[in-house]
PDB file of N, CA and C in Angstrom:
ATOM      1  N   MET A   1      67.256  40.754  97.304  1.00  0.00           N
ATOM      2  CA  MET A   1      68.111  39.747  97.636  1.00  0.00           C
ATOM      3  C   MET A   1      67.759  38.367  96.914  1.00  0.00           C
ATOM      4  N   ILE A   2      68.731  37.883  96.504  1.00  0.00           N
ATOM      5  CA  ILE A   2      68.325  36.443  95.823  1.00  0.00           C
ATOM      6  C   ILE A   2      68.861  35.181  96.731  1.00  0.00           C
ATOM      7  N   HIS A   3      68.005  34.445  97.135  1.00  0.00           N
ATOM      8  CA  HIS A   3      68.475  33.175  97.800  1.00  0.00           C
ATOM      9  C   HIS A   3      68.072  31.925  97.199  1.00  0.00           C
ATOM     10  N   TYR A   4      69.031  31.204  96.915  1.00  0.00           N
ATOM     11  CA  TYR A   4      68.862  29.949  96.312  1.00  0.00           C
ATOM     12  C   TYR A   4      68.988  28.706  97.164  1.00  0.00           C
ATOM     13  N   SER A   5      68.241  28.017  97.490  1.00  0.00           N
ATOM     14  CA  SER A   5      68.345  26.932  98.374  1.00  0.00           C
ATOM     15  C   SER A   5      67.294  25.808  97.987  1.00  0.00           C
ATOM     16  N   VAL A   6      67.458  24.712  98.567  1.00  0.00           N
ATOM     17  CA  VAL A   6      66.516  23.403  98.323  1.00  0.00           C
ATOM     18  C   VAL A   6      65.486  23.573  99.562  1.00  0.00           C
ATOM     19  N   ILE A   7      65.629  24.319 100.519  1.00  0.00           N
ATOM     20  CA  ILE A   7      64.678  24.384 101.560  1.00  0.00           C
ATOM     21  C   ILE A   7      63.518  25.361 101.003  1.00  0.00           C
ATOM     22  N   PRO A   8      62.392  25.114 101.223  1.00  0.00           N
ATOM     23  CA  PRO A   8      61.239  26.021 100.854  1.00  0.00           C
ATOM     24  C   PRO A   8      61.297  27.184 101.666  1.00  0.00           C
ATOM     25  N   MET A   9      61.085  28.457 100.910  1.00  0.00           N
ATOM     26  CA  MET A   9      61.089  29.786 101.664  1.00  0.00           C
ATOM     27  C   MET A   9      60.130  29.884 102.706  1.00  0.00           C
ATOM     28  N   ASP A  10      59.140  29.230 102.803  1.00  0.00           N
ATOM     29  CA  ASP A  10      58.157  29.232 103.956  1.00  0.00           C
ATOM     30  C   ASP A  10      59.071  28.647 105.179  1.00  0.00           C
ATOM     31  N   VAL A  11      59.738  27.773 104.966  1.00  0.00           N
ATOM     32  CA  VAL A  11      60.586  27.279 106.278  1.00  0.00           C
ATOM     33  C   VAL A  11      61.687  28.271 106.696  1.00  0.00           C
ATOM     34  N   ILE A  12      62.338  28.892 105.780  1.00  0.00           N
ATOM     35  CA  ILE A  12      63.448  29.666 105.903  1.00  0.00           C
ATOM     36  C   ILE A  12      63.011  30.829 106.651  1.00  0.00           C
ATOM     37  N   PHE A  13      61.978  31.453 106.114  1.00  0.00           N
ATOM     38  CA  PHE A  13      61.436  32.828 106.721  1.00  0.00           C
ATOM     39  C   PHE A  13      60.354  32.585 107.872  1.00  0.00           C
ATOM     40  N   GLU A  14      60.259  31.346 108.309  1.00  0.00           N
ATOM     41  CA  GLU A  14      59.129  31.425 109.260  1.00  0.00           C
ATOM     42  C   GLU A  14      59.409  32.267 110.579  1.00  0.00           C
ATOM     43  N   GLY A  15      58.512  32.923 111.030  1.00  0.00           N
ATOM     44  CA  GLY A  15      58.738  33.598 112.121  1.00  0.00           C
ATOM     45  C   GLY A  15      59.393  34.918 112.001  1.00  0.00           C
ATOM     46  N   MET A  16      59.794  35.195 110.661  1.00  0.00           N
ATOM     47  CA  MET A  16      60.423  36.549 110.533  1.00  0.00           C
ATOM     48  C   MET A  16      59.489  37.785 110.963  1.00  0.00           C
ATOM     49  N   GLU A  17      58.383  37.573 110.659  1.00  0.00           N
ATOM     50  CA  GLU A  17      57.345  38.766 110.911  1.00  0.00           C
ATOM     51  C   GLU A  17      57.163  38.979 112.454  1.00  0.00           C
ATOM     52  N   SER A  18      57.312  37.982 113.392  1.00  0.00           N
ATOM     53  CA  SER A  18      56.994  38.202 114.793  1.00  0.00           C
ATOM     54  C   SER A  18      58.508  38.516 115.541  1.00  0.00           C
ATOM     55  N   PHE A  19      59.581  38.544 114.613  1.00  0.00           N
ATOM     56  CA  PHE A  19      60.901  38.713 115.490  1.00  0.00           C
ATOM     57  C   PHE A  19      60.943  40.414 115.725  1.00  0.00           C
ATOM     58  N   GLU A  20      61.066  40.552 116.998  1.00  0.00           N
ATOM     59  CA  GLU A  20      61.002  41.953 117.389  1.00  0.00           C
ATOM     60  C   GLU A  20      62.346  42.141 118.603  1.00  0.00           C
ATOM     61  N   PRO A  21      63.461  42.526 117.920  1.00  0.00           N
ATOM     62  CA  PRO A  21      64.693  42.707 118.761  1.00  0.00           C
ATOM     63  C   PRO A  21      64.460  43.858 119.828  1.00  0.00           C
ATOM     64  N   ARG A  22      65.143  43.580 120.927  1.00  0.00           N
ATOM     65  CA  ARG A  22      65.094  44.570 122.028  1.00  0.00           C
ATOM     66  C   ARG A  22      66.379  45.251 122.034  1.00  0.00           C
ATOM     67  N   TYR A  23      66.790  46.236 121.285  1.00  0.00           N
ATOM     68  CA  TYR A  23      68.301  46.705 121.178  1.00  0.00           C
ATOM     69  C   TYR A  23      68.222  47.954 122.270  1.00  0.00           C
ATOM     70  N   MET A  24      69.436  48.197 122.749  1.00  0.00           N
ATOM     71  CA  MET A  24      69.699  49.225 123.657  1.00  0.00           C
ATOM     72  C   MET A  24      71.176  49.956 123.205  1.00  0.00           C
ATOM     73  N   GLU A  25      71.194  51.123 123.318  1.00  0.00           N
ATOM     74  CA  GLU A  25      72.356  51.871 123.128  1.00  0.00           C
ATOM     75  C   GLU A  25      73.015  52.099 124.643  1.00  0.00           C
ATOM     76  N   ILE A  26      74.562  51.934 124.759  1.00  0.00           N
ATOM     77  CA  ILE A  26      75.219  51.984 126.080  1.00  0.00           C
ATOM     78  C   ILE A  26      76.551  52.545 125.774  1.00  0.00           C
ATOM     79  N   GLU A  27      77.135  52.923 126.596  1.00  0.00           N
ATOM     80  CA  GLU A  27      78.903  53.275 126.514  1.00  0.00           C
ATOM     81  C   GLU A  27      79.442  52.272 127.682  1.00  0.00           C
ATOM     82  N   GLN A  28      80.351  51.608 127.009  1.00  0.00           N
ATOM     83  CA  GLN A  28      81.324  50.786 128.049  1.00  0.00           C
ATOM     84  C   GLN A  28      82.624  50.998 127.505  1.00  0.00           C
ATOM     85  N   GLY A  29      83.520  51.267 128.435  1.00  0.00           N
ATOM     86  CA  GLY A  29      84.957  51.583 128.112  1.00  0.00           C
ATOM     87  C   GLY A  29      85.185  52.770 127.350  1.00  0.00           C
ATOM     88  N   GLY A  30      84.369  53.721 127.183  1.00  0.00           N
ATOM     89  CA  GLY A  30      84.534  54.974 126.398  1.00  0.00           C
ATOM     90  C   GLY A  30      83.800  54.574 125.018  1.00  0.00           C
ATOM     91  N   VAL A  31      83.348  53.431 124.775  1.00  0.00           N
ATOM     92  CA  VAL A  31      82.856  52.838 123.513  1.00  0.00           C
ATOM     93  C   VAL A  31      81.414  53.035 123.533  1.00  0.00           C
ATOM     94  N   PHE A  32      80.958  53.707 122.328  1.00  0.00           N
ATOM     95  CA  PHE A  32      79.246  53.589 122.445  1.00  0.00           C
ATOM     96  C   PHE A  32      78.993  52.431 121.390  1.00  0.00           C
ATOM     97  N   MET A  33      77.992  51.603 121.756  1.00  0.00           N
ATOM     98  CA  MET A  33      77.668  50.512 121.071  1.00  0.00           C
ATOM     99  C   MET A  33      76.044  50.147 121.248  1.00  0.00           C
ATOM    100  N   GLN A  34      75.642  49.228 120.429  1.00  0.00           N
ATOM    101  CA  GLN A  34      74.283  48.857 120.279  1.00  0.00           C
ATOM    102  C   GLN A  34      74.383  47.378 120.839  1.00  0.00           C
ATOM    103  N   ILE A  35      73.554  47.168 121.885  1.00  0.00           N
ATOM    104  CA  ILE A  35      73.434  45.803 122.361  1.00  0.00           C
ATOM    105  C   ILE A  35      72.158  45.109 122.454  1.00  0.00           C
ATOM    106  N   GLU A  36      72.217  43.833 122.454  1.00  0.00           N
ATOM    107  CA  GLU A  36      70.924  43.250 122.373  1.00  0.00           C
ATOM    108  C   GLU A  36      70.905  42.430 124.056  1.00  0.00           C
ATOM    109  N   PRO A  37      70.029  42.770 124.985  1.00  0.00           N
ATOM    110  CA  PRO A  37      70.185  42.163 126.305  1.00  0.00           C
ATOM    111  C   PRO A  37      69.571  40.655 126.219  1.00  0.00           C
ATOM    112  N   ILE A  38      70.697  39.835 126.793  1.00  0.00           N
ATOM    113  CA  ILE A  38      70.251  38.486 126.981  1.00  0.00           C
ATOM    114  C   ILE A  38      69.613  38.105 128.223  1.00  0.00           C
ATOM    115  N   ASN A  39      70.222  38.502 129.240  1.00  0.00           N
ATOM    116  CA  ASN A  39      69.543  38.582 130.700  1.00  0.00           C
ATOM    117  C   ASN A  39      69.848  39.819 131.472  1.00  0.00           C
ATOM    118  N   GLY A  40      69.688  39.860 132.681  1.00  0.00           N
ATOM    119  CA  GLY A  40      69.697  41.140 133.587  1.00  0.00           C
ATOM    120  C   GLY A  40      71.063  41.719 133.458  1.00  0.00           C
ATOM    121  N   PHE A  41      72.301  40.906 133.234  1.00  0.00           N
ATOM    122  CA  PHE A  41      73.491  41.452 133.283  1.00  0.00           C
ATOM    123  C   PHE A  41      74.452  41.142 132.130  1.00  0.00           C
ATOM    124  N   GLN A  42      73.905  40.380 131.050  1.00  0.00           N
ATOM    125  CA  GLN A  42      74.781  39.972 129.911  1.00  0.00           C
ATOM    126  C   GLN A  42      73.852  40.518 128.719  1.00  0.00           C
ATOM    127  N   ALA A  43      74.830  40.854 127.766  1.00  0.00           N
ATOM    128  CA  ALA A  43      74.161  41.325 126.569  1.00  0.00           C
ATOM    129  C   ALA A  43      75.277  40.968 125.214  1.00  0.00           C
ATOM    130  N   ARG A  44      74.546  41.043 124.037  1.00  0.00           N
ATOM    131  CA  ARG A  44      75.380  40.751 123.023  1.00  0.00           C
ATOM    132  C   ARG A  44      75.645  41.958 122.118  1.00  0.00           C
ATOM    133  N   ILE A  45      76.731  42.076 121.513  1.00  0.00           N
ATOM    134  CA  ILE A  45      77.033  43.384 120.934  1.00  0.00           C
ATOM    135  C   ILE A  45      76.591  43.230 119.598  1.00  0.00           C
ATOM    136  N   VAL A  46      75.767  44.324 119.095  1.00  0.00           N
ATOM    137  CA  VAL A  46      75.204  44.224 117.832  1.00  0.00           C
ATOM    138  C   VAL A  46      76.151  45.072 116.692  1.00  0.00           C
ATOM    139  N   ARG A  47      76.219  46.379 117.282  1.00  0.00           N
ATOM    140  CA  ARG A  47      77.301  47.146 116.537  1.00  0.00           C
ATOM    141  C   ARG A  47      77.933  48.193 117.326  1.00  0.00           C
ATOM    142  N   LEU A  48      79.064  48.687 116.799  1.00  0.00           N
ATOM    143  CA  LEU A  48      79.712  50.011 117.449  1.00  0.00           C
ATOM    144  C   LEU A  48      79.130  51.166 116.869  1.00  0.00           C
ATOM    145  N   TYR A  49      79.185  52.402 117.663  1.00  0.00           N
ATOM    146  CA  TYR A  49      79.029  53.680 117.028  1.00  0.00           C
ATOM    147  C   TYR A  49      80.112  54.526 117.219  1.00  0.00           C
ATOM    148  N   SER A  50      81.401  54.020 116.795  1.00  0.00           N
ATOM    149  CA  SER A  50      82.557  54.804 117.008  1.00  0.00           C
ATOM    150  C   SER A  50      83.129  55.258 116.072  1.00  0.00           C
ATOM    151  N   CYS A  51      83.819  56.388 116.065  1.00  0.00           N
ATOM    152  CA  CYS A  51      84.678  56.918 115.093  1.00  0.00           C
ATOM    153  C   CYS A  51      86.041  56.747 115.057  1.00  0.00           C
ATOM    154  N   ASN A  52      86.432  56.046 116.148  1.00  0.00           N
ATOM    155  CA  ASN A  52      87.890  55.785 116.266  1.00  0.00           C
ATOM    156  C   ASN A  52      88.090  54.214 115.735  1.00  0.00           C
ATOM    157  N   PRO A  53      89.006  54.080 114.841  1.00  0.00           N
ATOM    158  CA  PRO A  53      89.239  52.823 114.076  1.00  0.00           C
ATOM    159  C   PRO A  53      89.723  52.022 114.951  1.00  0.00           C
ATOM    160  N   GLN A  54      90.525  52.318 116.124  1.00  0.00           N
ATOM    161  CA  GLN A  54      91.196  51.278 117.086  1.00  0.00           C
ATOM    162  C   GLN A  54      89.973  50.584 117.680  1.00  0.00           C
ATOM    163  N   ASP A  55      88.962  51.006 117.776  1.00  0.00           N
ATOM    164  CA  ASP A  55      87.754  50.480 118.659  1.00  0.00           C
ATOM    165  C   ASP A  55      87.232  49.235 117.999  1.00  0.00           C
ATOM    166  N   TYR A  56      87.167  49.363 116.489  1.00  0.00           N
ATOM    167  CA  TYR A  56      86.892  48.194 115.841  1.00  0.00           C
ATOM    168  C   TYR A  56      87.746  47.308 115.794  1.00  0.00           C
ATOM    169  N   LEU A  57      89.093  47.441 115.977  1.00  0.00           N
ATOM    170  CA  LEU A  57      90.226  46.439 115.987  1.00  0.00           C
ATOM    171  C   LEU A  57      90.376  45.808 117.165  1.00  0.00           C
ATOM    172  N   ASN A  58      89.544  46.357 118.369  1.00  0.00           N
ATOM    173  CA  ASN A  58      89.468  45.609 119.702  1.00  0.00           C
ATOM    174  C   ASN A  58      88.763  44.398 119.682  1.00  0.00           C
ATOM    175  N   ALA A  59      89.390  43.215 119.811  1.00  0.00           N
ATOM    176  CA  ALA A  59      88.640  41.850 119.965  1.00  0.00           C
ATOM    177  C   ALA A  59      87.558  41.855 121.083  1.00  0.00           C
ATOM    178  N   HIS A  60      87.654  42.730 122.148  1.00  0.00           N
ATOM    179  CA  HIS A  60      86.606  42.698 123.086  1.00  0.00           C
ATOM    180  C   HIS A  60      85.339  43.403 122.463  1.00  0.00           C
ATOM    181  N   TYR A  61      85.324  44.145 121.604  1.00  0.00           N
ATOM    182  CA  TYR A  61      84.259  44.737 121.111  1.00  0.00           C
ATOM    183  C   TYR A  61      83.749  44.512 119.819  1.00  0.00           C
ATOM    184  N   THR A  62      83.965  43.074 119.338  1.00  0.00           N
ATOM    185  CA  THR A  62      83.460  42.367 118.181  1.00  0.00           C
ATOM    186  C   THR A  62      82.045  42.096 118.167  1.00  0.00           C
ATOM    187  N   PRO A  63      81.336  42.581 117.175  1.00  0.00           N
ATOM    188  CA  PRO A  63      79.877  42.155 117.236  1.00  0.00           C
ATOM    189  C   PRO A  63      79.475  40.700 117.509  1.00  0.00           C
ATOM    190  N   GLY A  64      78.650  40.410 118.307  1.00  0.00           N
ATOM    191  CA  GLY A  64      78.419  38.994 118.564  1.00  0.00           C
ATOM    192  C   GLY A  64      78.971  38.742 119.768  1.00  0.00           C
ATOM    193  N   THR A  65      79.981  39.441 120.365  1.00  0.00           N
ATOM    194  CA  THR A  65      80.563  39.043 121.806  1.00  0.00           C
ATOM    195  C   THR A  65      79.632  39.435 122.747  1.00  0.00           C
ATOM    196  N   ILE A  66      79.589  38.617 123.770  1.00  0.00           N
ATOM    197  CA  ILE A  66      78.861  38.634 124.889  1.00  0.00           C
ATOM    198  C   ILE A  66      79.399  39.460 126.079  1.00  0.00           C
ATOM    199  N   ILE A  67      78.934  40.324 126.651  1.00  0.00           N
ATOM    200  CA  ILE A  67      79.679  41.302 127.515  1.00  0.00           C
ATOM    201  C   ILE A  67      78.857  41.047 128.904  1.00  0.00           C
ATOM    202  N   SER A  68      79.550  41.572 129.899  1.00  0.00           N
ATOM    203  CA  SER A  68      78.550  41.815 131.127  1.00  0.00           C
ATOM    204  C   SER A  68      78.494  43.547 131.425  1.00  0.00           C
ATOM    205  N   TYR A  69      77.088  43.700 131.855  1.00  0.00           N
ATOM    206  CA  TYR A  69      76.951  45.103 131.907  1.00  0.00           C
ATOM    207  C   TYR A  69      75.849  45.287 132.991  1.00  0.00           C
ATOM    208  N   SER A  70      75.774  46.341 133.794  1.00  0.00           N
ATOM    209  CA  SER A  70      74.667  46.587 134.569  1.00  0.00           C
ATOM    210  C   SER A  70      74.073  47.643 134.295  1.00  0.00           C
ATOM    211  N   PRO A  71      72.726  47.652 134.190  1.00  0.00           N
ATOM    212  CA  PRO A  71      71.845  48.859 133.664  1.00  0.00           C
ATOM    213  C   PRO A  71      71.792  49.789 134.853  1.00  0.00           C
ATOM    214  N   VAL A  72      71.788  51.032 134.191  1.00  0.00           N
ATOM    215  CA  VAL A  72      71.708  52.249 135.118  1.00  0.00           C
ATOM    216  C   VAL A  72      70.402  52.856 134.673  1.00  0.00           C
ATOM    217  N   PHE A  73      69.602  53.164 135.567  1.00  0.00           N
ATOM    218  CA  PHE A  73      68.447  53.932 135.253  1.00  0.00           C
ATOM    219  C   PHE A  73      68.478  55.323 135.669  1.00  0.00           C
ATOM    220  N   GLU A  74      68.404  56.100 134.487  1.00  0.00           N
ATOM    221  CA  GLU A  74      68.690  57.724 134.886  1.00  0.00           C
ATOM    222  C   GLU A  74      67.304  58.237 135.355  1.00  0.00           C
ATOM    223  N   GLY A  75      67.366  59.021 136.273  1.00  0.00           N
ATOM    224  CA  GLY A  75      66.434  59.849 136.772  1.00  0.00           C
ATOM    225  C   GLY A  75      65.770  59.184 138.034  1.00  0.00           C
ATOM    226  N   ILE A  76      66.275  58.236 138.409  1.00  0.00           N
ATOM    227  CA  ILE A  76      65.880  57.474 139.563  1.00  0.00           C
ATOM    228  C   ILE A  76      66.906  57.753 140.711  1.00  0.00           C
ATOM    229  N   SER A  77      66.424  58.343 141.851  1.00  0.00           N
ATOM    230  CA  SER A  77      67.362  58.742 142.831  1.00  0.00           C
ATOM    231  C   SER A  77      67.457  57.510 143.894  1.00  0.00           C
ATOM    232  N   PRO A  78      68.636  57.257 144.366  1.00  0.00           N
ATOM    233  CA  PRO A  78      68.783  56.112 145.368  1.00  0.00           C
ATOM    234  C   PRO A  78      67.918  56.691 146.790  1.00  0.00           C
ATOM    235  N   ILE A  79      67.373  55.721 147.600  1.00  0.00           N
ATOM    236  CA  ILE A  79      66.758  56.157 148.820  1.00  0.00           C
ATOM    237  C   ILE A  79      67.952  56.134 149.949  1.00  0.00           C
TER     238      ILE A  79
END
């Protein structure tokens, strides 16, 4: 990658080594996607894992979109 800038490279790439994203894979509306949780009930779409071209044309599933979701923990039975 070539990056031309008047800003020093140390400033641009500061903190890059310590960045550790927390990605999850979920299914919402029949579409598998990778998300980055923001808080307990919201997440940002990172990418779609769909073979259907219509899913990529749906504005609700655009990468960067904030969605609401409720995490479901498998293997835990309700009391």
